[in-house]
Amino acid sequence: QVQLQESGPGLVKPSQTLSLTCTVSGGSITTNYHFWSWIRQPPGKGLEWMGNIAYSGSTDYSPSLKSRTSISRDTSKNQFTLQLSSVTPEDTAVYYCASLSGYWGQGTQVTVSS
């Protein structure tokens, strides 16, 4: 069974870059036709898709976040990483990594505050 686990700092200062890593076990991020996503949920709001990285390494981003978002991967570690630059308190949320096949990590709370 595929399992995903987010890791990274829980507190980030405004204007800094938020960086989170998703470690995948039980499956390979390079498996054909598999896509891996970052999704977030701000307090009191719905889920927001941030972007994908495909099995091929190609990426796709939400238009509203594209200018600040980068998703990359380390195939040797079976991990993919989210970087969100120039964060503000509005980026405070629970961040999830997920596979489009339906597996999700448990989520990690990130707070943007000085």
N, C-alpha and C. Protein backbone atom coordinates (compact mmCIF):
# COMPACT_ATOMS: atom_id res chain seq x y z
N GLN A 1 0.83 -1.19 0.00
CA GLN A 1 0.00 0.00 0.00
C GLN A 1 0.87 1.25 0.00
N VAL A 2 0.48 2.20 -0.80
CA VAL A 2 1.25 3.44 -0.90
C VAL A 2 0.99 4.30 0.34
N GLN A 3 2.07 4.82 0.90
CA GLN A 3 1.97 5.74 2.03
C GLN A 3 2.77 7.00 1.72
N LEU A 4 2.24 8.13 2.15
CA LEU A 4 2.89 9.42 1.95
C LEU A 4 3.04 10.11 3.29
N GLN A 5 4.17 10.78 3.48
CA GLN A 5 4.44 11.47 4.74
C GLN A 5 5.06 12.82 4.45
N GLU A 6 4.40 13.88 4.91
CA GLU A 6 4.94 15.23 4.77
C GLU A 6 5.93 15.52 5.89
N SER A 7 6.93 16.34 5.59
CA SER A 7 7.86 16.79 6.61
C SER A 7 8.34 18.19 6.25
N GLY A 8 8.67 18.94 7.29
CA GLY A 8 9.15 20.30 7.09
C GLY A 8 8.85 21.15 8.29
N PRO A 9 9.32 22.40 8.28
CA PRO A 9 9.10 23.27 9.44
C PRO A 9 7.63 23.64 9.61
N GLY A 10 7.21 23.76 10.84
CA GLY A 10 5.84 24.14 11.12
C GLY A 10 5.63 25.64 11.22
N LEU A 11 6.72 26.38 11.26
CA LEU A 11 6.64 27.84 11.39
C LEU A 11 7.60 28.48 10.39
N VAL A 12 7.06 29.39 9.61
CA VAL A 12 7.86 30.11 8.61
C VAL A 12 7.58 31.60 8.77
N LYS A 13 8.62 32.39 8.63
CA LYS A 13 8.45 33.85 8.75
C LYS A 13 7.95 34.45 7.44
N PRO A 14 7.19 35.52 7.53
CA PRO A 14 6.74 36.20 6.31
C PRO A 14 7.92 36.58 5.41
N SER A 15 7.70 36.47 4.13
CA SER A 15 8.65 36.77 3.05
C SER A 15 9.65 35.64 2.80
N GLN A 16 9.68 34.65 3.68
CA GLN A 16 10.60 33.53 3.48
C GLN A 16 9.98 32.49 2.53
N THR A 17 10.75 31.45 2.27
CA THR A 17 10.29 30.36 1.42
C THR A 17 9.91 29.15 2.26
N LEU A 18 8.71 28.68 2.06
CA LEU A 18 8.21 27.47 2.71
C LEU A 18 8.69 26.27 1.90
N SER A 19 9.26 25.29 2.58
CA SER A 19 9.75 24.10 1.90
C SER A 19 9.26 22.86 2.63
N LEU A 20 8.56 22.00 1.92
CA LEU A 20 8.05 20.76 2.49
C LEU A 20 8.44 19.59 1.60
N THR A 21 8.67 18.46 2.23
CA THR A 21 9.03 17.24 1.50
C THR A 21 8.00 16.16 1.75
N CYS A 22 7.68 15.43 0.71
CA CYS A 22 6.78 14.29 0.82
C CYS A 22 7.58 13.02 0.50
N THR A 23 7.64 12.13 1.47
CA THR A 23 8.32 10.85 1.28
C THR A 23 7.28 9.78 0.97
N VAL A 24 7.50 9.08 -0.13
CA VAL A 24 6.56 8.06 -0.59
C VAL A 24 7.14 6.69 -0.33
N SER A 25 6.33 5.81 0.23
CA SER A 25 6.73 4.42 0.41
C SER A 25 5.65 3.51 -0.15
N GLY A 26 6.06 2.31 -0.51
CA GLY A 26 5.10 1.35 -1.05
C GLY A 26 4.81 1.55 -2.53
N GLY A 27 5.51 2.47 -3.16
CA GLY A 27 5.32 2.73 -4.58
C GLY A 27 6.36 3.72 -5.05
N SER A 28 6.61 3.75 -6.34
CA SER A 28 7.64 4.63 -6.88
C SER A 28 7.01 5.87 -7.52
N ILE A 29 7.63 7.02 -7.29
CA ILE A 29 7.12 8.25 -7.89
C ILE A 29 7.37 8.30 -9.39
N THR A 30 8.14 7.36 -9.90
CA THR A 30 8.39 7.31 -11.34
C THR A 30 7.53 6.27 -12.05
N THR A 31 6.63 5.64 -11.31
CA THR A 31 5.74 4.67 -11.95
C THR A 31 4.90 5.35 -13.03
N ASN A 32 4.85 4.74 -14.18
CA ASN A 32 4.14 5.34 -15.32
C ASN A 32 2.73 5.77 -14.95
N TYR A 33 2.41 7.00 -15.40
CA TYR A 33 1.06 7.55 -15.31
C TYR A 33 0.65 7.87 -13.87
N HIS A 34 1.61 7.95 -12.97
CA HIS A 34 1.32 8.39 -11.61
C HIS A 34 1.66 9.87 -11.47
N PHE A 35 0.78 10.58 -10.79
CA PHE A 35 0.94 12.01 -10.57
C PHE A 35 0.88 12.29 -9.07
N TRP A 36 1.67 13.25 -8.64
CA TRP A 36 1.85 13.52 -7.21
C TRP A 36 1.59 15.00 -6.96
N SER A 37 0.75 15.26 -5.97
CA SER A 37 0.23 16.61 -5.79
C SER A 37 0.55 17.20 -4.42
N TRP A 38 0.50 18.51 -4.38
CA TRP A 38 0.46 19.25 -3.12
C TRP A 38 -0.89 19.98 -3.08
N ILE A 39 -1.51 19.89 -1.92
CA ILE A 39 -2.83 20.46 -1.68
C ILE A 39 -2.79 21.09 -0.30
N ARG A 40 -3.48 22.20 -0.13
CA ARG A 40 -3.50 22.83 1.19
C ARG A 40 -4.91 23.21 1.59
N GLN A 41 -5.09 23.40 2.89
CA GLN A 41 -6.36 23.81 3.43
C GLN A 41 -6.15 24.88 4.48
N PRO A 42 -6.40 26.15 4.14
CA PRO A 42 -6.30 27.22 5.14
C PRO A 42 -7.39 27.06 6.20
N PRO A 43 -7.19 27.62 7.37
CA PRO A 43 -8.18 27.47 8.43
C PRO A 43 -9.53 28.02 8.00
N GLY A 44 -10.56 27.21 8.17
CA GLY A 44 -11.92 27.63 7.86
C GLY A 44 -12.25 27.66 6.38
N LYS A 45 -11.35 27.16 5.54
CA LYS A 45 -11.58 27.20 4.09
C LYS A 45 -11.48 25.79 3.50
N GLY A 46 -11.78 25.70 2.23
CA GLY A 46 -11.74 24.42 1.55
C GLY A 46 -10.35 24.03 1.06
N LEU A 47 -10.28 22.86 0.45
CA LEU A 47 -9.02 22.38 -0.09
C LEU A 47 -8.62 23.17 -1.33
N GLU A 48 -7.33 23.45 -1.46
CA GLU A 48 -6.80 24.17 -2.61
C GLU A 48 -5.67 23.35 -3.23
N TRP A 49 -5.86 22.97 -4.48
CA TRP A 49 -4.81 22.27 -5.20
C TRP A 49 -3.71 23.25 -5.58
N MET A 50 -2.46 22.88 -5.30
CA MET A 50 -1.34 23.78 -5.57
C MET A 50 -0.57 23.39 -6.82
N GLY A 51 -0.41 22.10 -7.06
CA GLY A 51 0.33 21.68 -8.23
C GLY A 51 0.63 20.20 -8.20
N ASN A 52 1.13 19.72 -9.35
CA ASN A 52 1.47 18.31 -9.53
C ASN A 52 2.88 18.17 -10.05
N ILE A 53 3.47 17.01 -9.77
CA ILE A 53 4.63 16.57 -10.51
C ILE A 53 4.31 15.17 -11.03
N ALA A 54 4.57 14.97 -12.29
CA ALA A 54 4.23 13.71 -12.93
C ALA A 54 5.35 12.69 -12.81
N TYR A 55 5.03 11.46 -13.16
CA TYR A 55 6.01 10.38 -13.16
C TYR A 55 7.22 10.72 -14.05
N SER A 56 6.97 11.53 -15.05
CA SER A 56 8.02 11.94 -15.98
C SER A 56 8.88 13.08 -15.45
N GLY A 57 8.39 13.72 -14.39
CA GLY A 57 9.08 14.88 -13.84
C GLY A 57 8.49 16.20 -14.29
N SER A 58 7.55 16.16 -15.19
CA SER A 58 6.91 17.41 -15.62
C SER A 58 6.00 17.94 -14.52
N THR A 59 5.82 19.25 -14.51
CA THR A 59 5.05 19.88 -13.44
C THR A 59 3.89 20.70 -13.99
N ASP A 60 2.93 20.93 -13.13
CA ASP A 60 1.75 21.72 -13.46
C ASP A 60 1.34 22.44 -12.19
N TYR A 61 1.01 23.73 -12.31
CA TYR A 61 0.74 24.53 -11.12
C TYR A 61 -0.61 25.24 -11.22
N SER A 62 -1.17 25.51 -10.05
CA SER A 62 -2.35 26.35 -9.98
C SER A 62 -2.00 27.74 -10.51
N PRO A 63 -2.81 28.28 -11.39
CA PRO A 63 -2.49 29.61 -11.95
C PRO A 63 -2.34 30.68 -10.87
N SER A 64 -3.11 30.56 -9.81
CA SER A 64 -3.06 31.59 -8.76
C SER A 64 -1.78 31.52 -7.94
N LEU A 65 -1.09 30.40 -7.97
CA LEU A 65 0.13 30.22 -7.16
C LEU A 65 1.37 30.02 -8.02
N LYS A 66 1.21 29.97 -9.30
CA LYS A 66 2.29 29.56 -10.19
C LYS A 66 3.56 30.39 -10.04
N SER A 67 3.38 31.69 -9.81
CA SER A 67 4.55 32.57 -9.74
C SER A 67 5.38 32.33 -8.49
N ARG A 68 4.81 31.65 -7.49
CA ARG A 68 5.52 31.46 -6.21
C ARG A 68 5.82 29.99 -5.91
N THR A 69 5.37 29.09 -6.75
CA THR A 69 5.42 27.66 -6.42
C THR A 69 6.41 26.90 -7.30
N SER A 70 7.11 25.97 -6.68
CA SER A 70 7.99 25.07 -7.41
C SER A 70 7.89 23.69 -6.78
N ILE A 71 7.67 22.68 -7.62
CA ILE A 71 7.65 21.30 -7.16
C ILE A 71 8.76 20.55 -7.87
N SER A 72 9.57 19.85 -7.10
CA SER A 72 10.67 19.07 -7.65
C SER A 72 10.68 17.70 -7.01
N ARG A 73 11.62 16.87 -7.43
CA ARG A 73 11.66 15.51 -6.90
C ARG A 73 13.07 15.01 -6.77
N ASP A 74 13.23 14.02 -5.90
CA ASP A 74 14.49 13.28 -5.75
C ASP A 74 14.13 11.81 -5.91
N THR A 75 14.37 11.30 -7.09
CA THR A 75 13.95 9.92 -7.36
C THR A 75 14.76 8.91 -6.55
N SER A 76 16.00 9.28 -6.18
CA SER A 76 16.83 8.35 -5.40
C SER A 76 16.27 8.15 -3.99
N LYS A 77 15.52 9.15 -3.52
CA LYS A 77 14.92 9.08 -2.19
C LYS A 77 13.41 8.83 -2.25
N ASN A 78 12.89 8.78 -3.47
CA ASN A 78 11.45 8.62 -3.66
C ASN A 78 10.67 9.73 -2.94
N GLN A 79 11.11 10.95 -3.13
CA GLN A 79 10.52 12.12 -2.48
C GLN A 79 10.19 13.19 -3.52
N PHE A 80 9.19 13.99 -3.19
CA PHE A 80 8.97 15.19 -3.97
C PHE A 80 8.76 16.36 -3.00
N THR A 81 9.13 17.54 -3.47
CA THR A 81 9.27 18.70 -2.59
C THR A 81 8.47 19.88 -3.11
N LEU A 82 7.89 20.61 -2.19
CA LEU A 82 7.17 21.84 -2.48
C LEU A 82 7.98 23.02 -1.97
N GLN A 83 8.14 24.03 -2.78
CA GLN A 83 8.68 25.30 -2.33
C GLN A 83 7.69 26.41 -2.69
N LEU A 84 7.35 27.20 -1.71
CA LEU A 84 6.43 28.33 -1.90
C LEU A 84 7.15 29.57 -1.40
N SER A 85 7.41 30.49 -2.29
CA SER A 85 8.22 31.66 -1.95
C SER A 85 7.35 32.83 -1.48
N SER A 86 8.01 33.78 -0.86
CA SER A 86 7.39 35.04 -0.45
C SER A 86 6.08 34.81 0.32
N VAL A 87 6.16 33.97 1.32
CA VAL A 87 4.93 33.61 2.04
C VAL A 87 4.42 34.78 2.88
N THR A 88 3.11 34.76 3.08
CA THR A 88 2.43 35.71 3.95
C THR A 88 1.56 34.92 4.93
N PRO A 89 0.99 35.58 5.93
CA PRO A 89 0.11 34.85 6.85
C PRO A 89 -1.04 34.13 6.14
N GLU A 90 -1.42 34.61 4.96
CA GLU A 90 -2.49 33.94 4.21
C GLU A 90 -2.08 32.56 3.69
N ASP A 91 -0.81 32.24 3.76
CA ASP A 91 -0.34 30.91 3.37
C ASP A 91 -0.38 29.93 4.53
N THR A 92 -0.81 30.38 5.68
CA THR A 92 -1.00 29.47 6.81
C THR A 92 -2.07 28.44 6.46
N ALA A 93 -1.73 27.17 6.62
CA ALA A 93 -2.64 26.11 6.21
C ALA A 93 -2.11 24.76 6.66
N VAL A 94 -2.95 23.75 6.54
CA VAL A 94 -2.49 22.37 6.61
C VAL A 94 -2.13 21.98 5.17
N TYR A 95 -0.92 21.50 5.01
CA TYR A 95 -0.42 21.12 3.69
C TYR A 95 -0.40 19.60 3.58
N TYR A 96 -0.96 19.12 2.47
CA TYR A 96 -1.02 17.69 2.21
C TYR A 96 -0.27 17.34 0.93
N CYS A 97 0.38 16.19 0.93
CA CYS A 97 0.81 15.61 -0.33
C CYS A 97 -0.10 14.43 -0.62
N ALA A 98 -0.29 14.17 -1.90
CA ALA A 98 -1.24 13.14 -2.30
C ALA A 98 -0.89 12.60 -3.66
N SER A 99 -1.36 11.40 -3.91
CA SER A 99 -1.26 10.85 -5.25
C SER A 99 -2.63 10.97 -5.92
N LEU A 100 -2.64 11.16 -7.21
CA LEU A 100 -3.92 11.27 -7.90
C LEU A 100 -4.68 9.94 -7.90
N SER A 101 -3.98 8.87 -7.52
CA SER A 101 -4.65 7.58 -7.41
C SER A 101 -5.40 7.45 -6.09
N GLY A 102 -5.28 8.48 -5.22
CA GLY A 102 -6.14 8.49 -4.05
C GLY A 102 -5.48 8.34 -2.70
N TYR A 103 -4.18 8.28 -2.67
CA TYR A 103 -3.48 8.18 -1.39
C TYR A 103 -3.08 9.58 -0.92
N TRP A 104 -3.24 9.82 0.38
CA TRP A 104 -2.92 11.11 0.98
C TRP A 104 -2.00 10.94 2.17
N GLY A 105 -1.16 11.95 2.40
CA GLY A 105 -0.46 12.02 3.66
C GLY A 105 -1.38 12.53 4.74
N GLN A 106 -0.91 12.52 5.95
CA GLN A 106 -1.74 12.95 7.07
C GLN A 106 -1.87 14.46 7.17
N GLY A 107 -0.99 15.17 6.48
CA GLY A 107 -1.02 16.62 6.50
C GLY A 107 -0.09 17.18 7.55
N THR A 108 0.41 18.38 7.29
CA THR A 108 1.28 19.05 8.24
C THR A 108 0.88 20.51 8.33
N GLN A 109 0.77 21.00 9.54
CA GLN A 109 0.38 22.39 9.77
C GLN A 109 1.58 23.29 9.55
N VAL A 110 1.39 24.31 8.73
CA VAL A 110 2.41 25.34 8.54
C VAL A 110 1.79 26.69 8.89
N THR A 111 2.44 27.38 9.79
CA THR A 111 1.99 28.71 10.20
C THR A 111 3.01 29.74 9.74
N VAL A 112 2.52 30.80 9.12
CA VAL A 112 3.38 31.89 8.69
C VAL A 112 3.19 33.04 9.66
N SER A 113 4.23 33.34 10.40
CA SER A 113 4.13 34.36 11.43
C SER A 113 5.53 34.82 11.82
N SER A 114 5.62 36.08 12.19
CA SER A 114 6.90 36.59 12.65
C SER A 114 7.06 36.36 14.15
